[in-house]
Protein backbone atom coordinates (compact mmCIF):
# COMPACT_ATOMS: atom_id res chain seq x y z
CA UNK A 1 131.26 96.00 98.96
CA UNK A 2 131.67 96.36 102.76
CA UNK A 3 129.77 99.66 102.77
CA UNK A 4 127.01 98.08 100.67
CA UNK A 5 126.69 95.18 103.15
CA UNK A 6 126.63 97.61 106.09
CA UNK A 7 123.70 99.44 104.47
CA UNK A 8 121.91 96.11 103.84
CA UNK A 9 122.42 95.06 107.48
CA UNK A 10 121.14 98.43 108.71
CA UNK A 11 118.00 98.13 106.54
CA UNK A 12 117.40 94.56 107.74
CA UNK A 13 117.87 95.60 111.39
CA UNK A 14 115.40 98.45 110.98
CA UNK A 15 112.75 95.99 109.76
CA UNK A 16 113.53 93.48 112.53
CA UNK A 17 114.93 90.89 110.12
CA UNK A 18 118.58 90.99 111.22
CA UNK A 19 119.67 90.55 114.84
CA UNK A 20 123.46 90.32 115.25
CA UNK A 21 123.14 89.27 118.93
CA UNK A 22 120.99 86.25 117.98
CA UNK A 23 123.11 85.17 115.02
CA UNK A 24 125.49 82.99 117.07
CA UNK A 25 122.53 81.00 118.48
CA UNK A 26 121.00 80.63 115.01
CA UNK A 27 124.28 79.47 113.50
CA UNK A 28 124.38 76.69 116.11
CA UNK A 29 120.85 75.70 115.07
CA UNK A 30 119.16 77.05 118.21
CA UNK A 31 116.61 79.74 118.98
CA UNK A 32 117.95 82.61 121.11
CA UNK A 33 116.22 83.56 124.37
CA UNK A 34 114.88 86.78 122.78
CA UNK A 35 113.46 84.81 119.85
CA UNK A 36 111.89 82.28 122.24
CA UNK A 37 110.09 85.16 123.97
CA UNK A 38 108.75 86.30 120.59
CA UNK A 39 107.45 82.82 119.75
CA UNK A 40 105.87 82.54 123.21
CA UNK A 41 104.16 85.89 122.66
CA UNK A 42 102.65 84.60 119.40
CA UNK A 43 101.62 81.42 121.16
CA UNK A 44 99.92 83.31 123.99
CA UNK A 45 98.09 85.47 121.45
CA UNK A 46 96.51 82.38 119.87
CA UNK A 47 95.74 80.78 123.24
CA UNK A 48 94.06 84.03 124.34
CA UNK A 49 91.93 83.78 121.19
CA UNK A 50 90.94 80.24 122.11
CA UNK A 51 90.02 81.36 125.65
CA UNK A 52 87.91 84.26 124.36
CA UNK A 53 86.02 82.01 121.94
CA UNK A 54 85.43 79.39 124.64
CA UNK A 55 84.17 82.07 127.03
CA UNK A 56 81.85 83.51 124.38
CA UNK A 57 80.65 80.00 123.58
CA UNK A 58 79.66 79.45 127.22
CA UNK A 59 77.95 82.87 127.40
CA UNK A 60 75.96 82.24 124.22
CA UNK A 61 75.12 78.72 125.39
CA UNK A 62 73.71 80.07 128.68
CA UNK A 63 71.75 82.80 126.86
CA UNK A 64 70.44 80.26 124.37
CA UNK A 65 69.40 77.91 127.15
CA UNK A 66 67.48 80.71 128.87
CA UNK A 67 65.75 81.63 125.61
CA UNK A 68 64.78 78.04 124.84
CA UNK A 69 63.49 77.30 128.38
CA UNK A 70 61.69 80.56 129.04
CA UNK A 71 60.12 81.49 125.73
CA UNK A 72 59.92 78.16 123.91
CA UNK A 73 60.66 80.01 120.68
CA UNK A 74 61.31 78.13 117.49
CA UNK A 75 64.44 80.24 116.77
CA UNK A 76 66.33 78.93 119.81
CA UNK A 77 67.67 75.71 118.22
CA UNK A 78 68.89 77.62 115.15
CA UNK A 79 70.41 80.26 117.42
CA UNK A 80 72.28 77.63 119.43
CA UNK A 81 73.51 75.66 116.41
CA UNK A 82 74.72 78.78 114.58
CA UNK A 83 76.75 80.09 117.54
CA UNK A 84 78.02 76.63 118.45
CA UNK A 85 79.45 76.19 114.94
CA UNK A 86 80.77 79.77 114.82
CA UNK A 87 82.70 79.60 118.11
CA UNK A 88 83.83 76.03 117.61
CA UNK A 89 85.24 76.89 114.17
CA UNK A 90 87.03 80.01 115.42
CA UNK A 91 88.45 78.16 118.41
CA UNK A 92 89.75 75.46 116.07
CA UNK A 93 91.31 78.09 113.78
CA UNK A 94 93.11 79.68 116.75
CA UNK A 95 94.33 76.24 117.85
CA UNK A 96 95.55 75.35 114.35
CA UNK A 97 97.49 78.64 114.20
CA UNK A 98 99.02 78.04 117.65
CA UNK A 99 100.19 74.49 116.88
CA UNK A 100 103.18 75.40 114.61
CA UNK A 101 104.51 77.84 117.24
CA UNK A 102 104.15 75.21 119.94
CA UNK A 103 106.02 72.65 117.81
CA UNK A 104 108.81 75.18 117.17
CA UNK A 105 109.22 75.76 120.92
CA UNK A 106 109.28 72.03 121.65
CA UNK A 107 111.95 71.29 119.03
CA UNK A 108 114.09 74.43 119.62
CA UNK A 109 115.54 73.97 116.14
CA UNK A 110 116.41 76.51 113.46
CA UNK A 111 116.61 75.74 109.77
CA UNK A 112 118.70 77.67 107.30
CA UNK A 113 118.58 78.32 103.58
CA UNK A 114 121.14 80.27 101.54
CA UNK A 115 121.04 81.64 98.04
CA UNK A 116 119.94 84.47 95.77
CA UNK A 117 116.91 86.35 97.05
CA UNK A 118 113.97 86.88 94.69
CA UNK A 119 111.15 89.26 95.62
CA UNK A 120 107.49 88.55 94.83
CA UNK A 121 104.37 90.53 95.55
CA UNK A 122 100.74 89.72 95.01
CA UNK A 123 98.10 92.39 94.65
CA UNK A 124 94.83 91.48 96.31
CA UNK A 125 91.95 93.80 95.52
CA UNK A 126 88.97 94.16 97.81
CA UNK A 127 85.91 96.34 97.47
CA UNK A 128 85.99 97.72 100.98
CA UNK A 129 89.65 98.46 101.65
CA UNK A 130 91.02 98.96 98.16
CA UNK A 131 94.08 96.89 97.39
CA UNK A 132 96.57 95.07 99.57
CA UNK A 133 99.99 93.63 98.79
CA UNK A 134 101.23 90.31 100.07
CA UNK A 135 104.99 90.42 99.88
CA UNK A 136 107.19 87.35 99.88
CA UNK A 137 110.84 86.64 99.42
CA UNK A 138 112.07 83.44 97.85
CA UNK A 139 115.39 81.73 98.42
CA UNK A 140 116.00 78.39 96.70
CA UNK A 141 112.32 77.80 96.07
CA UNK A 142 111.20 78.50 99.64
CA UNK A 143 108.92 81.48 100.18
CA UNK A 144 108.57 83.61 103.32
CA UNK A 145 106.17 86.47 104.05
CA UNK A 146 107.59 89.88 104.96
CA UNK A 147 106.18 93.37 105.48
CA UNK A 148 105.80 95.81 102.58
CA UNK A 149 108.34 98.23 104.07
CA UNK A 150 110.93 95.45 104.45
CA UNK A 151 110.13 94.26 100.93
CA UNK A 152 110.90 97.72 99.56
CA UNK A 153 114.27 97.97 101.37
CA UNK A 154 115.66 94.51 100.63
CA UNK A 155 118.06 94.29 97.71
CA UNK A 156 117.02 91.69 95.15
CA UNK A 157 119.48 89.34 93.44
CA UNK A 158 121.82 89.48 96.44
CA UNK A 159 122.98 86.36 98.21
CA UNK A 160 121.46 85.93 101.67
CA UNK A 161 121.39 83.35 104.42
CA UNK A 162 117.98 83.03 106.05
CA UNK A 163 117.41 81.42 109.46
CA UNK A 164 113.80 80.41 110.14
CA UNK A 165 111.59 78.22 112.31
CA UNK A 166 110.54 75.05 110.46
CA UNK A 167 106.87 74.80 111.48
CA UNK A 168 105.69 78.41 111.67
CA UNK A 169 108.18 79.54 108.97
CA UNK A 170 108.92 82.65 111.01
CA UNK A 171 112.04 84.50 109.87
CA UNK A 172 114.56 84.75 112.70
CA UNK A 173 117.52 86.27 110.86
CA UNK A 174 118.18 87.37 107.30
CA UNK A 175 121.88 87.94 106.73
CA UNK A 176 123.69 89.20 103.62
CA UNK A 177 126.04 86.41 102.58
CA UNK A 178 129.01 86.09 102.91
CA UNK A 179 128.70 87.66 106.35
C-alpha cells in the first residue's frame, strides 16, 4: 500500500498536480507563495490579452478614421463597426477569464473535496485538427479539467483529497488519501 501511494505521488508530481511543499499551506486553507505566483501569471496573461486588444482597437480606429475622412468610401462605417465589435468582444472575453483569478487572489482561500476519483473524457472531433480529448476528473460530483497525460497516469477508484481555488477551479494539490 505504501509503495503504491509513493508511485501515485510520483505520477502526480510529474504532472504538476502534487506539491508536498505547498500541502501545509493548502491544509490551512491558504494559497502558498508559489501557487500565488502561478495565479498571478495567469492573471497577467489575460490582462496582456486585454491590452493587446485595446491597442489593436485604437490602431484600427485610427486607420478607419483615415479611410473615412480621406476616401469617403461607403465601406468605412462597416469596417469600423466590424472591428469595434470584434475587439470589444475579445477584450470582454479576456476580462471575463481574468476575473475568477483576480477573485481567487483577493480571497486567498482554498477549498477541498475528498472522495473516490472518477475519470471522464470527451472526444471532440473537428475537421481541421482531427480529434481532441477533454479530460476531467470527478470527486463527489465536482469536475476538474486535467491534461491527457495526467489523466492517463491517475489511478481511478482511489480515494483522493483535492485542493482547488473556488472561482477559477484551478487544481492546487491532488493527494492520495489517507496521506
